[in-house]
C-alpha atoms as a PDB file:
ATOM      1  CA  MET A   1     -12.844 -52.565-106.270  1.00  0.00           C
ATOM      2  CA  LEU A   2     -13.957 -54.181-103.033  1.00  0.00           C
ATOM      3  CA  ASP A   3     -17.092 -56.268-103.395  1.00  0.00           C
ATOM      4  CA  SER A   4     -19.710 -54.724-101.104  1.00  0.00           C
ATOM      5  CA  THR A   5     -21.652 -57.993-101.121  1.00  0.00           C
ATOM      6  CA  ILE A   6     -19.019 -59.733 -98.986  1.00  0.00           C
ATOM      7  CA  ASP A   7     -20.888 -61.898 -96.498  1.00  0.00           C
ATOM      8  CA  ILE A   8     -19.206 -60.713 -93.302  1.00  0.00           C
ATOM      9  CA  ALA A   9     -21.357 -62.969 -91.105  1.00  0.00           C
ATOM     10  CA  TYR A  10     -19.916 -65.963 -92.966  1.00  0.00           C
ATOM     11  CA  TRP A  11     -16.365 -64.623 -92.937  1.00  0.00           C
ATOM     12  CA  ASN A  12     -16.488 -63.660 -89.269  1.00  0.00           C
ATOM     13  CA  LYS A  13     -17.164 -67.322 -88.493  1.00  0.00           C
ATOM     14  CA  GLU A  14     -14.432 -68.465 -90.878  1.00  0.00           C
ATOM     15  CA  LEU A  15     -11.855 -66.031 -89.485  1.00  0.00           C
ATOM     16  CA  LYS A  16     -12.628 -66.396 -85.776  1.00  0.00           C
ATOM     17  CA  ASP A  17     -10.130 -69.237 -85.292  1.00  0.00           C
ATOM     18  CA  LYS A  18      -7.501 -67.776 -87.620  1.00  0.00           C
ATOM     19  CA  THR A  19      -4.391 -66.007 -86.365  1.00  0.00           C
ATOM     20  CA  PRO A  20      -4.176 -62.219 -86.732  1.00  0.00           C
ATOM     21  CA  GLN A  21      -1.476 -62.786 -89.354  1.00  0.00           C
ATOM     22  CA  GLU A  22      -3.832 -65.001 -91.358  1.00  0.00           C
ATOM     23  CA  ILE A  23      -6.644 -62.456 -91.025  1.00  0.00           C
ATOM     24  CA  VAL A  24      -4.348 -59.679 -92.250  1.00  0.00           C
ATOM     25  CA  LYS A  25      -3.208 -61.784 -95.214  1.00  0.00           C
ATOM     26  CA  TRP A  26      -6.818 -62.567 -96.171  1.00  0.00           C
ATOM     27  CA  ALA A  27      -7.883 -58.924 -95.915  1.00  0.00           C
ATOM     28  CA  LEU A  28      -4.897 -57.512 -97.801  1.00  0.00           C
ATOM     29  CA  ALA A  29      -5.849 -59.606-100.830  1.00  0.00           C
ATOM     30  CA  LEU A  30      -9.274 -57.968-101.067  1.00  0.00           C
ATOM     31  CA  THR A  31      -8.231 -54.557-102.374  1.00  0.00           C
ATOM     32  CA  GLU A  32      -5.299 -52.254-103.005  1.00  0.00           C
ATOM     33  CA  ASN A  33      -7.240 -49.362-101.469  1.00  0.00           C
ATOM     34  CA  LYS A  34      -6.652 -49.855 -97.760  1.00  0.00           C
ATOM     35  CA  ILE A  35      -5.514 -48.001 -94.654  1.00  0.00           C
ATOM     36  CA  VAL A  36      -4.620 -48.763 -91.061  1.00  0.00           C
ATOM     37  CA  THR A  37      -5.440 -46.237 -88.362  1.00  0.00           C
ATOM     38  CA  THR A  38      -3.484 -45.695 -85.170  1.00  0.00           C
ATOM     39  CA  SER A  39      -3.329 -43.324 -82.239  1.00  0.00           C
ATOM     40  CA  PHE A  40       0.029 -44.831 -81.221  1.00  0.00           C
ATOM     41  CA  GLY A  41      -1.693 -46.008 -78.077  1.00  0.00           C
ATOM     42  CA  VAL A  42      -0.786 -48.681 -75.547  1.00  0.00           C
ATOM     43  CA  TYR A  43      -0.805 -51.692 -77.908  1.00  0.00           C
ATOM     44  CA  SER A  44      -0.243 -49.883 -81.203  1.00  0.00           C
ATOM     45  CA  ALA A  45       2.995 -51.782 -81.901  1.00  0.00           C
ATOM     46  CA  VAL A  46       1.065 -55.039 -82.123  1.00  0.00           C
ATOM     47  CA  LEU A  47      -1.137 -54.163 -85.098  1.00  0.00           C
ATOM     48  CA  LEU A  48       1.415 -51.947 -86.862  1.00  0.00           C
ATOM     49  CA  SER A  49       4.199 -54.524 -86.692  1.00  0.00           C
ATOM     50  CA  THR A  50       1.868 -57.289 -87.860  1.00  0.00           C
ATOM     51  CA  ILE A  51       0.587 -55.396 -90.891  1.00  0.00           C
ATOM     52  CA  SER A  52       3.915 -53.816 -91.869  1.00  0.00           C
ATOM     53  CA  LYS A  53       5.487 -57.265 -92.166  1.00  0.00           C
ATOM     54  CA  GLN A  54       2.979 -58.078 -94.916  1.00  0.00           C
ATOM     55  CA  ASP A  55       2.439 -54.670 -96.506  1.00  0.00           C
ATOM     56  CA  ASN A  56       5.016 -52.002 -95.776  1.00  0.00           C
ATOM     57  CA  ASN A  57       3.421 -49.514 -98.175  1.00  0.00           C
ATOM     58  CA  ILE A  58      -0.001 -49.404 -96.557  1.00  0.00           C
ATOM     59  CA  LYS A  59      -1.027 -45.903 -95.512  1.00  0.00           C
ATOM     60  CA  VAL A  60      -0.951 -45.470 -91.736  1.00  0.00           C
ATOM     61  CA  ILE A  61      -3.457 -42.783 -90.780  1.00  0.00           C
ATOM     62  CA  TRP A  62      -2.572 -40.946 -87.578  1.00  0.00           C
ATOM     63  CA  CYS A  63      -5.011 -38.304 -86.364  1.00  0.00           C
ATOM     64  CA  ASP A  64      -2.794 -36.400 -83.946  1.00  0.00           C
ATOM     65  CA  THR A  65      -4.934 -34.451 -81.488  1.00  0.00           C
ATOM     66  CA  LEU A  66      -1.857 -32.329 -80.593  1.00  0.00           C
ATOM     67  CA  PHE A  67      -2.567 -33.202 -76.959  1.00  0.00           C
ATOM     68  CA  ASN A  68      -0.694 -36.491 -76.730  1.00  0.00           C
ATOM     69  CA  THR A  69       1.792 -37.188 -73.952  1.00  0.00           C
ATOM     70  CA  PRO A  70       5.512 -36.673 -74.693  1.00  0.00           C
ATOM     71  CA  GLU A  71       5.940 -40.431 -74.325  1.00  0.00           C
ATOM     72  CA  THR A  72       3.342 -41.021 -77.051  1.00  0.00           C
ATOM     73  CA  TYR A  73       5.209 -38.791 -79.488  1.00  0.00           C
ATOM     74  CA  GLU A  74       8.416 -40.674 -78.645  1.00  0.00           C
ATOM     75  CA  HIS A  75       6.591 -43.988 -79.112  1.00  0.00           C
ATOM     76  CA  ALA A  76       5.207 -42.848 -82.476  1.00  0.00           C
ATOM     77  CA  SER A  77       8.634 -41.745 -83.687  1.00  0.00           C
ATOM     78  CA  SER A  78      10.168 -45.041 -82.610  1.00  0.00           C
ATOM     79  CA  LEU A  79       7.547 -47.186 -84.378  1.00  0.00           C
ATOM     80  CA  ILE A  80       7.653 -45.055 -87.535  1.00  0.00           C
ATOM     81  CA  ASN A  81      11.421 -45.507 -87.740  1.00  0.00           C
ATOM     82  CA  THR A  82      11.512 -49.164 -86.681  1.00  0.00           C
ATOM     83  CA  PHE A  83       8.857 -50.349 -89.127  1.00  0.00           C
ATOM     84  CA  ASN A  84       9.407 -47.675 -91.789  1.00  0.00           C
ATOM     85  CA  LEU A  85       5.729 -46.754 -91.606  1.00  0.00           C
ATOM     86  CA  ASN A  86       4.057 -44.857 -94.428  1.00  0.00           C
ATOM     87  CA  VAL A  87       2.366 -42.341 -92.117  1.00  0.00           C
ATOM     88  CA  GLU A  88      -0.204 -39.782 -93.218  1.00  0.00           C
ATOM     89  CA  LYS A  89      -0.728 -37.445 -90.279  1.00  0.00           C
ATOM     90  CA  TYR A  90      -3.878 -35.393 -89.839  1.00  0.00           C
ATOM     91  CA  GLU A  91      -4.123 -32.601 -87.296  1.00  0.00           C
ATOM     92  CA  PRO A  92      -6.881 -30.227 -86.114  1.00  0.00           C
ATOM     93  CA  LEU A  93      -7.496 -27.193 -88.303  1.00  0.00           C
ATOM     94  CA  LEU A  94      -6.930 -25.071 -85.195  1.00  0.00           C
ATOM     95  CA  SER A  95      -3.523 -24.846 -83.546  1.00  0.00           C
ATOM     96  CA  LYS A  96      -3.012 -26.309 -80.084  1.00  0.00           C
ATOM     97  CA  LEU A  97      -2.846 -22.787 -78.664  1.00  0.00           C
ATOM     98  CA  ALA A  98      -6.084 -21.817 -80.398  1.00  0.00           C
ATOM     99  CA  VAL A  99      -7.842 -24.885 -79.008  1.00  0.00           C
ATOM    100  CA  GLU A 100      -6.543 -24.198 -75.495  1.00  0.00           C
ATOM    101  CA  THR A 101      -7.598 -20.551 -75.740  1.00  0.00           C
ATOM    102  CA  THR A 102     -11.062 -21.017 -77.223  1.00  0.00           C
ATOM    103  CA  ILE A 103     -12.164 -24.408 -75.884  1.00  0.00           C
ATOM    104  CA  GLY A 104      -9.618 -25.500 -73.319  1.00  0.00           C
ATOM    105  CA  ILE A 105      -9.184 -29.149 -72.399  1.00  0.00           C
ATOM    106  CA  PRO A 106     -12.606 -29.812 -70.870  1.00  0.00           C
ATOM    107  CA  ASP A 107     -13.493 -32.653 -68.567  1.00  0.00           C
ATOM    108  CA  VAL A 108     -15.758 -35.324 -70.060  1.00  0.00           C
ATOM    109  CA  THR A 109     -18.653 -33.922 -68.006  1.00  0.00           C
ATOM    110  CA  SER A 110     -18.255 -30.434 -69.510  1.00  0.00           C
ATOM    111  CA  PRO A 111     -20.640 -29.203 -72.229  1.00  0.00           C
ATOM    112  CA  LYS A 112     -17.515 -28.183 -74.187  1.00  0.00           C
ATOM    113  CA  HIS A 113     -16.134 -31.714 -74.314  1.00  0.00           C
ATOM    114  CA  ALA A 114     -18.120 -32.637 -77.419  1.00  0.00           C
ATOM    115  CA  GLU A 115     -16.795 -29.557 -79.211  1.00  0.00           C
ATOM    116  CA  PHE A 116     -13.244 -30.393 -78.128  1.00  0.00           C
ATOM    117  CA  THR A 117     -13.576 -33.951 -79.432  1.00  0.00           C
ATOM    118  CA  GLU A 118     -15.040 -32.744 -82.711  1.00  0.00           C
ATOM    119  CA  VAL A 119     -12.221 -30.242 -83.295  1.00  0.00           C
ATOM    120  CA  VAL A 120      -9.205 -32.328 -82.273  1.00  0.00           C
ATOM    121  CA  LYS A 121     -10.236 -35.806 -83.377  1.00  0.00           C
ATOM    122  CA  LEU A 122     -13.470 -36.314 -85.300  1.00  0.00           C
ATOM    123  CA  GLU A 123     -13.096 -33.591 -87.934  1.00  0.00           C
ATOM    124  CA  PRO A 124      -9.487 -34.603 -88.738  1.00  0.00           C
ATOM    125  CA  PHE A 125     -10.585 -38.226 -88.992  1.00  0.00           C
ATOM    126  CA  ARG A 126     -13.499 -37.469 -91.330  1.00  0.00           C
ATOM    127  CA  ARG A 127     -11.112 -35.382 -93.422  1.00  0.00           C
ATOM    128  CA  ALA A 128      -8.699 -38.314 -93.577  1.00  0.00           C
ATOM    129  CA  LEU A 129     -11.413 -40.695 -94.770  1.00  0.00           C
ATOM    130  CA  ALA A 130     -12.661 -38.169 -97.328  1.00  0.00           C
ATOM    131  CA  GLU A 131      -9.172 -37.672 -98.754  1.00  0.00           C
ATOM    132  CA  GLN A 132      -8.023 -41.293 -98.668  1.00  0.00           C
ATOM    133  CA  GLU A 133     -11.348 -42.879 -99.706  1.00  0.00           C
ATOM    134  CA  PRO A 134     -10.358 -46.342 -98.438  1.00  0.00           C
ATOM    135  CA  GLU A 135     -12.308 -49.485 -99.177  1.00  0.00           C
ATOM    136  CA  LEU A 136     -10.717 -51.367 -96.291  1.00  0.00           C
ATOM    137  CA  TRP A 137      -9.722 -50.077 -92.860  1.00  0.00           C
ATOM    138  CA  PHE A 138      -7.583 -52.022 -90.390  1.00  0.00           C
ATOM    139  CA  THR A 139      -8.253 -51.136 -86.760  1.00  0.00           C
ATOM    140  CA  ASN A 140      -7.217 -52.471 -83.374  1.00  0.00           C
ATOM    141  CA  ILE A 141     -10.609 -52.488 -81.669  1.00  0.00           C
ATOM    142  CA  ARG A 142     -11.230 -55.419 -79.364  1.00  0.00           C
ATOM    143  CA  VAL A 143     -14.330 -57.015 -77.939  1.00  0.00           C
ATOM    144  CA  ARG A 144     -13.687 -56.247 -74.269  1.00  0.00           C
ATOM    145  CA  GLN A 145     -12.852 -52.558 -74.644  1.00  0.00           C
ATOM    146  CA  THR A 146     -16.276 -50.857 -74.617  1.00  0.00           C
ATOM    147  CA  GLU A 147     -19.958 -51.782 -74.703  1.00  0.00           C
ATOM    148  CA  TYR A 148     -20.160 -50.518 -78.278  1.00  0.00           C
ATOM    149  CA  ARG A 149     -17.232 -52.641 -79.435  1.00  0.00           C
ATOM    150  CA  LYS A 150     -18.849 -55.767 -78.018  1.00  0.00           C
ATOM    151  CA  SER A 151     -21.430 -55.405 -80.794  1.00  0.00           C
ATOM    152  CA  LYS A 152     -18.772 -55.536 -83.535  1.00  0.00           C
ATOM    153  CA  ASP A 153     -16.628 -58.445 -84.795  1.00  0.00           C
ATOM    154  CA  ILE A 154     -13.418 -59.086 -86.722  1.00  0.00           C
ATOM    155  CA  LEU A 155     -15.187 -57.662 -89.766  1.00  0.00           C
ATOM    156  CA  SER A 156     -17.756 -54.887 -89.750  1.00  0.00           C
ATOM    157  CA  TRP A 157     -18.967 -52.154 -92.065  1.00  0.00           C
ATOM    158  CA  SER A 158     -18.490 -48.453 -91.351  1.00  0.00           C
ATOM    159  CA  LYS A 159     -21.488 -46.223 -91.954  1.00  0.00           C
ATOM    160  CA  ASP A 160     -19.890 -45.211 -95.277  1.00  0.00           C
ATOM    161  CA  GLY A 161     -19.444 -48.782 -96.447  1.00  0.00           C
ATOM    162  CA  VAL A 162     -15.769 -49.199 -95.609  1.00  0.00           C
ATOM    163  CA  LEU A 163     -14.868 -52.735 -94.520  1.00  0.00           C
ATOM    164  CA  LYS A 164     -13.294 -52.547 -91.059  1.00  0.00           C
ATOM    165  CA  VAL A 165     -10.922 -55.362 -90.131  1.00  0.00           C
ATOM    166  CA  SER A 166      -9.845 -55.938 -86.536  1.00  0.00           C
ATOM    167  CA  PRO A 167      -7.327 -58.826 -86.554  1.00  0.00           C
ATOM    168  CA  PHE A 168      -6.890 -58.858 -82.762  1.00  0.00           C
ATOM    169  CA  TYR A 169     -10.594 -58.458 -81.977  1.00  0.00           C
ATOM    170  CA  TYR A 170     -10.842 -61.447 -79.630  1.00  0.00           C
ATOM    171  CA  TRP A 171      -7.525 -60.910 -77.860  1.00  0.00           C
ATOM    172  CA  SER A 172      -7.364 -59.849 -74.209  1.00  0.00           C
ATOM    173  CA  ASP A 173      -4.858 -57.435 -72.680  1.00  0.00           C
ATOM    174  CA  GLU A 174      -3.062 -60.470 -71.288  1.00  0.00           C
ATOM    175  CA  ASP A 175      -2.825 -61.975 -74.773  1.00  0.00           C
ATOM    176  CA  LEU A 176      -1.377 -58.752 -76.147  1.00  0.00           C
ATOM    177  CA  ASP A 177       1.082 -58.418 -73.268  1.00  0.00           C
ATOM    178  CA  ALA A 178       2.331 -61.936 -73.933  1.00  0.00           C
ATOM    179  CA  TYR A 179       2.664 -61.170 -77.652  1.00  0.00           C
ATOM    180  CA  ILE A 180       4.578 -57.958 -76.943  1.00  0.00           C
ATOM    181  CA  ALA A 181       6.988 -59.849 -74.697  1.00  0.00           C
ATOM    182  CA  GLU A 182       7.405 -62.660 -77.218  1.00  0.00           C
ATOM    183  CA  GLN A 183       8.015 -60.284 -80.149  1.00  0.00           C
ATOM    184  CA  ASP A 184      10.065 -57.814 -78.092  1.00  0.00           C
ATOM    185  CA  LEU A 185       7.762 -54.919 -79.005  1.00  0.00           C
ATOM    186  CA  PRO A 186       7.421 -51.597 -77.146  1.00  0.00           C
ATOM    187  CA  LYS A 187       4.299 -50.771 -75.144  1.00  0.00           C
ATOM    188  CA  ASN A 188       3.108 -47.203 -74.687  1.00  0.00           C
ATOM    189  CA  GLN A 189       2.485 -47.223 -70.944  1.00  0.00           C
ATOM    190  CA  PHE A 190       1.870 -43.468 -70.803  1.00  0.00           C
ATOM    191  CA  TYR A 191      -0.810 -43.100 -73.460  1.00  0.00           C
ATOM    192  CA  PHE A 192      -3.706 -40.799 -72.587  1.00  0.00           C
ATOM    193  CA  ASP A 193      -6.531 -39.708 -74.864  1.00  0.00           C
ATOM    194  CA  PRO A 194      -8.208 -36.512 -73.590  1.00  0.00           C
ATOM    195  CA  THR A 195     -11.214 -37.136 -75.825  1.00  0.00           C
ATOM    196  CA  LYS A 196     -11.921 -40.416 -74.014  1.00  0.00           C
ATOM    197  CA  ALA A 197     -10.372 -39.940 -70.551  1.00  0.00           C
ATOM    198  CA  LEU A 198     -11.605 -43.410 -69.565  1.00  0.00           C
ATOM    199  CA  GLN A 199     -10.460 -46.562 -71.368  1.00  0.00           C
ATOM    200  CA  ASN A 200     -14.019 -47.884 -71.661  1.00  0.00           C
ATOM    201  CA  ARG A 201     -15.332 -44.704 -73.278  1.00  0.00           C
ATOM    202  CA  GLU A 202     -15.668 -44.144 -77.040  1.00  0.00           C
ATOM    203  CA  CYS A 203     -14.311 -40.943 -78.599  1.00  0.00           C
ATOM    204  CA  GLY A 204     -16.521 -41.383 -81.659  1.00  0.00           C
ATOM    205  CA  ILE A 205     -14.137 -42.476 -84.396  1.00  0.00           C
ATOM    206  CA  HIS A 206     -15.512 -46.000 -84.480  1.00  0.00           C
ATOM    207  CA  PHE A 207     -19.064 -44.706 -84.848  1.00  0.00           C
ATOM    208  CA  GLN A 208     -17.982 -43.524 -88.305  1.00  0.00           C
END
């Protein structure tokens, strides 16, 4: 059982100068009840390769909106096979056709966009958390991505008391690009999230 009294302010200072690999190793020792989430986005190979080298049995939670690009599905398949990922995929309760027919794919300025995001991403994600009941959640959020994420750190608590660990929190895009080149990892250049549209916009998952 993960100790909810972990002093994350202390550990955020301790871990700030550690490598992502060291952060992952430290976090993995905390509990057996852990997950890593991915959308198989641009830099997804970085976190997934790093964690899989230390724990190949960890559950990889993929909330597939059903509206990913063909390249993203190819990227996902490639990473799953390359790293033998233990993927648990969650999809909307409505089919893609039903979503297109009843809601469409609304622009972020449309009143229907919130409903679209709820149906294709937020509800599946809440369902995943409810079913998996993790104590620890690895993510790939980074400080420069959005205003909201600037308020987080390597460690943070979700609203339900799940410890969120972001090993690459302080890394820039340039850092990740260099790492991808060095490790010969694939980059998903054609990723697009219709629930965010803009890279600096939150879809809502990390408000959970």
